[in-house]
């Protein structure tokens, strides 16, 4: 990982870049575990940037970004009320450099600060190995519904903090 990166709270001005990173990561890594139809439905974001703007304004959630020289290369979202990591995405051009691990560690620290002693997350199949490498354990298999009612498999994981 480059030594000149920052992790900071997301701002409203970031929402376009969050959408770009999110969709790029889905198209890059989603086909490792899902069909073309599932990937297309997962990447479809008919609400555009609204979901990120709403999360930024929600006092129970936090979106943080990892930036290199001001450019957002990844982001993560945490639910500070429920103790859940909701999202973690890294721009495929910046993958494999430790940004995902750094963001996850930051989100976990936020949960510790909020009084949690464990974290849960619903991992898409292509990310399970990453999370297990970070100390997460499988809890249960599940499915979730993407845009247009397309179902996809996922796994709930948890980790003691």
C-alpha atoms as a PDB file:
ATOM      1  CA  UNK A   1       0.000   0.000   0.000  1.00  0.00           C
ATOM      2  CA  UNK A   2       1.152   3.483  -0.712  1.00  0.00           C
ATOM      3  CA  UNK A   3       2.135   5.418   2.391  1.00  0.00           C
ATOM      4  CA  UNK A   4       0.326   8.574   1.271  1.00  0.00           C
ATOM      5  CA  UNK A   5      -3.283   7.562   1.784  1.00  0.00           C
ATOM      6  CA  UNK A   6      -5.939   8.822   4.147  1.00  0.00           C
ATOM      7  CA  UNK A   7      -9.121   7.388   5.598  1.00  0.00           C
ATOM      8  CA  UNK A   8     -11.768   9.987   6.284  1.00  0.00           C
ATOM      9  CA  UNK A   9     -15.511  10.381   6.628  1.00  0.00           C
ATOM     10  CA  UNK A  10     -17.308  10.662   3.333  1.00  0.00           C
ATOM     11  CA  UNK A  11     -18.806  13.960   2.242  1.00  0.00           C
ATOM     12  CA  UNK A  12     -21.721  14.748  -0.024  1.00  0.00           C
ATOM     13  CA  UNK A  13     -19.247  15.814  -2.720  1.00  0.00           C
ATOM     14  CA  UNK A  14     -17.962  12.204  -2.808  1.00  0.00           C
ATOM     15  CA  UNK A  15     -21.182  10.459  -3.830  1.00  0.00           C
ATOM     16  CA  UNK A  16     -20.477  10.299  -7.587  1.00  0.00           C
ATOM     17  CA  UNK A  17     -17.098   8.681  -6.986  1.00  0.00           C
ATOM     18  CA  UNK A  18     -18.618   6.214  -4.481  1.00  0.00           C
ATOM     19  CA  UNK A  19     -21.051   5.069  -7.158  1.00  0.00           C
ATOM     20  CA  UNK A  20     -18.249   4.654  -9.715  1.00  0.00           C
ATOM     21  CA  UNK A  21     -16.082   2.613  -7.310  1.00  0.00           C
ATOM     22  CA  UNK A  22     -19.051   0.489  -6.236  1.00  0.00           C
ATOM     23  CA  UNK A  23     -20.149  -0.440  -9.751  1.00  0.00           C
ATOM     24  CA  UNK A  24     -16.588  -0.965 -11.039  1.00  0.00           C
ATOM     25  CA  UNK A  25     -15.826  -3.379  -8.193  1.00  0.00           C
ATOM     26  CA  UNK A  26     -19.019  -5.342  -8.849  1.00  0.00           C
ATOM     27  CA  UNK A  27     -18.280  -5.722 -12.563  1.00  0.00           C
ATOM     28  CA  UNK A  28     -14.648  -6.641 -11.887  1.00  0.00           C
ATOM     29  CA  UNK A  29     -15.132  -9.205  -9.127  1.00  0.00           C
ATOM     30  CA  UNK A  30     -18.776 -10.258  -9.249  1.00  0.00           C
ATOM     31  CA  UNK A  31     -18.295 -12.725 -12.135  1.00  0.00           C
ATOM     32  CA  UNK A  32     -15.984 -14.774  -9.890  1.00  0.00           C
ATOM     33  CA  UNK A  33     -19.071 -16.054  -8.050  1.00  0.00           C
ATOM     34  CA  UNK A  34     -22.232 -14.934  -9.830  1.00  0.00           C
ATOM     35  CA  UNK A  35     -23.946 -15.241 -13.200  1.00  0.00           C
ATOM     36  CA  UNK A  36     -23.976 -12.391 -15.695  1.00  0.00           C
ATOM     37  CA  UNK A  37     -27.632 -11.757 -14.839  1.00  0.00           C
ATOM     38  CA  UNK A  38     -26.872 -11.556 -11.110  1.00  0.00           C
ATOM     39  CA  UNK A  39     -23.916  -9.228 -11.657  1.00  0.00           C
ATOM     40  CA  UNK A  40     -25.937  -6.917 -13.905  1.00  0.00           C
ATOM     41  CA  UNK A  41     -28.774  -6.746 -11.382  1.00  0.00           C
ATOM     42  CA  UNK A  42     -26.350  -6.158  -8.486  1.00  0.00           C
ATOM     43  CA  UNK A  43     -24.557  -3.383 -10.368  1.00  0.00           C
ATOM     44  CA  UNK A  44     -27.779  -1.658 -11.443  1.00  0.00           C
ATOM     45  CA  UNK A  45     -28.181   1.328  -9.176  1.00  0.00           C
ATOM     46  CA  UNK A  46     -31.472   2.948 -10.266  1.00  0.00           C
ATOM     47  CA  UNK A  47     -31.385   5.222  -7.223  1.00  0.00           C
ATOM     48  CA  UNK A  48     -28.058   6.638  -8.427  1.00  0.00           C
ATOM     49  CA  UNK A  49     -26.158   8.382  -5.669  1.00  0.00           C
ATOM     50  CA  UNK A  50     -29.143   8.783  -3.322  1.00  0.00           C
ATOM     51  CA  UNK A  51     -28.190   5.786  -1.180  1.00  0.00           C
ATOM     52  CA  UNK A  52     -24.778   7.273  -0.416  1.00  0.00           C
ATOM     53  CA  UNK A  53     -26.138  10.762   0.279  1.00  0.00           C
ATOM     54  CA  UNK A  54     -28.742   9.302   2.664  1.00  0.00           C
ATOM     55  CA  UNK A  55     -26.112   7.227   4.471  1.00  0.00           C
ATOM     56  CA  UNK A  56     -23.901  10.291   4.898  1.00  0.00           C
ATOM     57  CA  UNK A  57     -26.789  12.135   6.556  1.00  0.00           C
ATOM     58  CA  UNK A  58     -27.862   9.189   8.757  1.00  0.00           C
ATOM     59  CA  UNK A  59     -26.394   9.563  12.279  1.00  0.00           C
ATOM     60  CA  UNK A  60     -26.547   5.775  12.809  1.00  0.00           C
ATOM     61  CA  UNK A  61     -24.380   5.028   9.773  1.00  0.00           C
ATOM     62  CA  UNK A  62     -20.989   6.137   8.613  1.00  0.00           C
ATOM     63  CA  UNK A  63     -19.338   5.964   5.236  1.00  0.00           C
ATOM     64  CA  UNK A  64     -15.573   6.283   5.208  1.00  0.00           C
ATOM     65  CA  UNK A  65     -13.335   6.591   2.191  1.00  0.00           C
ATOM     66  CA  UNK A  66      -9.737   5.728   1.505  1.00  0.00           C
ATOM     67  CA  UNK A  67      -8.082   8.343  -0.669  1.00  0.00           C
ATOM     68  CA  UNK A  68      -4.716   8.597  -2.381  1.00  0.00           C
ATOM     69  CA  UNK A  69      -3.684  12.143  -3.230  1.00  0.00           C
ATOM     70  CA  UNK A  70      -7.332  13.153  -2.906  1.00  0.00           C
ATOM     71  CA  UNK A  71      -8.668  10.413  -5.198  1.00  0.00           C
ATOM     72  CA  UNK A  72     -11.131   8.020  -3.560  1.00  0.00           C
ATOM     73  CA  UNK A  73      -9.909   4.460  -4.092  1.00  0.00           C
ATOM     74  CA  UNK A  74     -12.307   2.660  -1.769  1.00  0.00           C
ATOM     75  CA  UNK A  75     -15.091   3.063   0.730  1.00  0.00           C
ATOM     76  CA  UNK A  76     -16.873   1.256   3.517  1.00  0.00           C
ATOM     77  CA  UNK A  77     -20.151   1.702   5.343  1.00  0.00           C
ATOM     78  CA  UNK A  78     -20.923   0.734   8.926  1.00  0.00           C
ATOM     79  CA  UNK A  79     -24.195   0.648  10.865  1.00  0.00           C
ATOM     80  CA  UNK A  80     -23.239   2.093  14.264  1.00  0.00           C
ATOM     81  CA  UNK A  81     -26.604   1.153  15.759  1.00  0.00           C
ATOM     82  CA  UNK A  82     -26.653  -2.498  14.675  1.00  0.00           C
ATOM     83  CA  UNK A  83     -22.934  -3.322  14.751  1.00  0.00           C
ATOM     84  CA  UNK A  84     -22.832  -4.332  11.095  1.00  0.00           C
ATOM     85  CA  UNK A  85     -20.441  -3.587   8.267  1.00  0.00           C
ATOM     86  CA  UNK A  86     -22.803  -2.865   5.393  1.00  0.00           C
ATOM     87  CA  UNK A  87     -20.406  -2.361   2.486  1.00  0.00           C
ATOM     88  CA  UNK A  88     -16.727  -2.452   1.565  1.00  0.00           C
ATOM     89  CA  UNK A  89     -15.558  -1.742  -1.983  1.00  0.00           C
ATOM     90  CA  UNK A  90     -12.187  -0.904  -3.525  1.00  0.00           C
ATOM     91  CA  UNK A  91     -11.626   0.453  -7.014  1.00  0.00           C
ATOM     92  CA  UNK A  92     -10.286  -2.501  -9.062  1.00  0.00           C
ATOM     93  CA  UNK A  93      -7.348  -0.343 -10.222  1.00  0.00           C
ATOM     94  CA  UNK A  94      -6.268  -0.084  -6.582  1.00  0.00           C
ATOM     95  CA  UNK A  95      -7.123  -3.599  -5.409  1.00  0.00           C
ATOM     96  CA  UNK A  96      -4.637  -5.870  -3.675  1.00  0.00           C
ATOM     97  CA  UNK A  97      -2.770  -3.004  -2.009  1.00  0.00           C
ATOM     98  CA  UNK A  98      -4.286  -3.219   1.457  1.00  0.00           C
ATOM     99  CA  UNK A  99      -6.966  -0.544   1.135  1.00  0.00           C
ATOM    100  CA  UNK A 100      -9.781  -2.993   1.868  1.00  0.00           C
ATOM    101  CA  UNK A 101      -8.034  -4.268   4.985  1.00  0.00           C
ATOM    102  CA  UNK A 102      -7.327  -0.724   6.174  1.00  0.00           C
ATOM    103  CA  UNK A 103     -10.931   0.354   5.633  1.00  0.00           C
ATOM    104  CA  UNK A 104     -12.261  -2.748   7.380  1.00  0.00           C
ATOM    105  CA  UNK A 105      -9.956  -2.149  10.342  1.00  0.00           C
ATOM    106  CA  UNK A 106     -11.188   1.431  10.567  1.00  0.00           C
ATOM    107  CA  UNK A 107     -14.837   0.321  10.527  1.00  0.00           C
ATOM    108  CA  UNK A 108     -14.130  -2.293  13.203  1.00  0.00           C
ATOM    109  CA  UNK A 109     -12.466   0.372  15.370  1.00  0.00           C
ATOM    110  CA  UNK A 110     -15.560   2.569  14.989  1.00  0.00           C
ATOM    111  CA  UNK A 111     -17.713  -0.302  16.235  1.00  0.00           C
ATOM    112  CA  UNK A 112     -15.440  -0.873  19.234  1.00  0.00           C
ATOM    113  CA  UNK A 113     -15.751   2.836  19.989  1.00  0.00           C
ATOM    114  CA  UNK A 114     -19.540   2.495  19.788  1.00  0.00           C
ATOM    115  CA  UNK A 115     -19.435  -0.270  22.413  1.00  0.00           C
ATOM    116  CA  UNK A 116     -19.633  -3.410  20.279  1.00  0.00           C
ATOM    117  CA  UNK A 117     -17.563  -6.501  21.018  1.00  0.00           C
ATOM    118  CA  UNK A 118     -18.395  -8.258  17.761  1.00  0.00           C
ATOM    119  CA  UNK A 119     -19.163  -7.295  14.182  1.00  0.00           C
ATOM    120  CA  UNK A 120     -21.401  -8.986  11.628  1.00  0.00           C
ATOM    121  CA  UNK A 121     -21.543  -8.623   7.884  1.00  0.00           C
ATOM    122  CA  UNK A 122     -23.263 -10.240   4.938  1.00  0.00           C
ATOM    123  CA  UNK A 123     -20.536 -11.150   2.476  1.00  0.00           C
ATOM    124  CA  UNK A 124     -21.062 -11.788  -1.195  1.00  0.00           C
ATOM    125  CA  UNK A 125     -19.457 -15.060  -2.228  1.00  0.00           C
ATOM    126  CA  UNK A 126     -16.464 -13.551  -4.010  1.00  0.00           C
ATOM    127  CA  UNK A 127     -15.382 -11.790  -0.772  1.00  0.00           C
ATOM    128  CA  UNK A 128     -15.705 -14.593   1.787  1.00  0.00           C
ATOM    129  CA  UNK A 129     -12.020 -15.579   1.567  1.00  0.00           C
ATOM    130  CA  UNK A 130     -10.970 -11.952   2.172  1.00  0.00           C
ATOM    131  CA  UNK A 131     -13.095 -11.714   5.309  1.00  0.00           C
ATOM    132  CA  UNK A 132     -12.016 -15.105   6.623  1.00  0.00           C
ATOM    133  CA  UNK A 133      -8.412 -13.966   6.201  1.00  0.00           C
ATOM    134  CA  UNK A 134      -9.359 -10.953   8.372  1.00  0.00           C
ATOM    135  CA  UNK A 135     -10.554 -13.275  11.161  1.00  0.00           C
ATOM    136  CA  UNK A 136     -14.253 -13.571  10.340  1.00  0.00           C
ATOM    137  CA  UNK A 137     -16.118 -16.845  10.795  1.00  0.00           C
ATOM    138  CA  UNK A 138     -19.105 -18.143   8.864  1.00  0.00           C
ATOM    139  CA  UNK A 139     -22.445 -17.960  10.648  1.00  0.00           C
ATOM    140  CA  UNK A 140     -25.042 -18.898   8.029  1.00  0.00           C
ATOM    141  CA  UNK A 141     -25.750 -19.025   4.329  1.00  0.00           C
ATOM    142  CA  UNK A 142     -28.423 -16.680   3.051  1.00  0.00           C
ATOM    143  CA  UNK A 143     -29.771 -15.070  -0.091  1.00  0.00           C
ATOM    144  CA  UNK A 144     -30.487 -11.461  -0.847  1.00  0.00           C
ATOM    145  CA  UNK A 145     -32.524  -9.810  -3.532  1.00  0.00           C
ATOM    146  CA  UNK A 146     -30.844  -7.398  -5.920  1.00  0.00           C
ATOM    147  CA  UNK A 147     -32.450  -4.961  -8.329  1.00  0.00           C
ATOM    148  CA  UNK A 148     -35.278  -6.407 -10.420  1.00  0.00           C
ATOM    149  CA  UNK A 149     -35.865  -9.191  -7.891  1.00  0.00           C
ATOM    150  CA  UNK A 150     -32.804 -11.229  -8.836  1.00  0.00           C
ATOM    151  CA  UNK A 151     -31.667 -13.432  -5.958  1.00  0.00           C
ATOM    152  CA  UNK A 152     -28.039 -14.132  -5.095  1.00  0.00           C
ATOM    153  CA  UNK A 153     -26.326 -16.225  -2.440  1.00  0.00           C
ATOM    154  CA  UNK A 154     -24.364 -14.643   0.399  1.00  0.00           C
ATOM    155  CA  UNK A 155     -22.906 -15.664   3.743  1.00  0.00           C
ATOM    156  CA  UNK A 156     -23.302 -13.986   7.124  1.00  0.00           C
ATOM    157  CA  UNK A 157     -19.957 -13.731   8.908  1.00  0.00           C
ATOM    158  CA  UNK A 158     -18.961 -12.446  12.305  1.00  0.00           C
ATOM    159  CA  UNK A 159     -15.847 -11.555  14.236  1.00  0.00           C
ATOM    160  CA  UNK A 160     -15.140 -10.817  17.878  1.00  0.00           C
ATOM    161  CA  UNK A 161     -13.587  -7.413  18.303  1.00  0.00           C
END
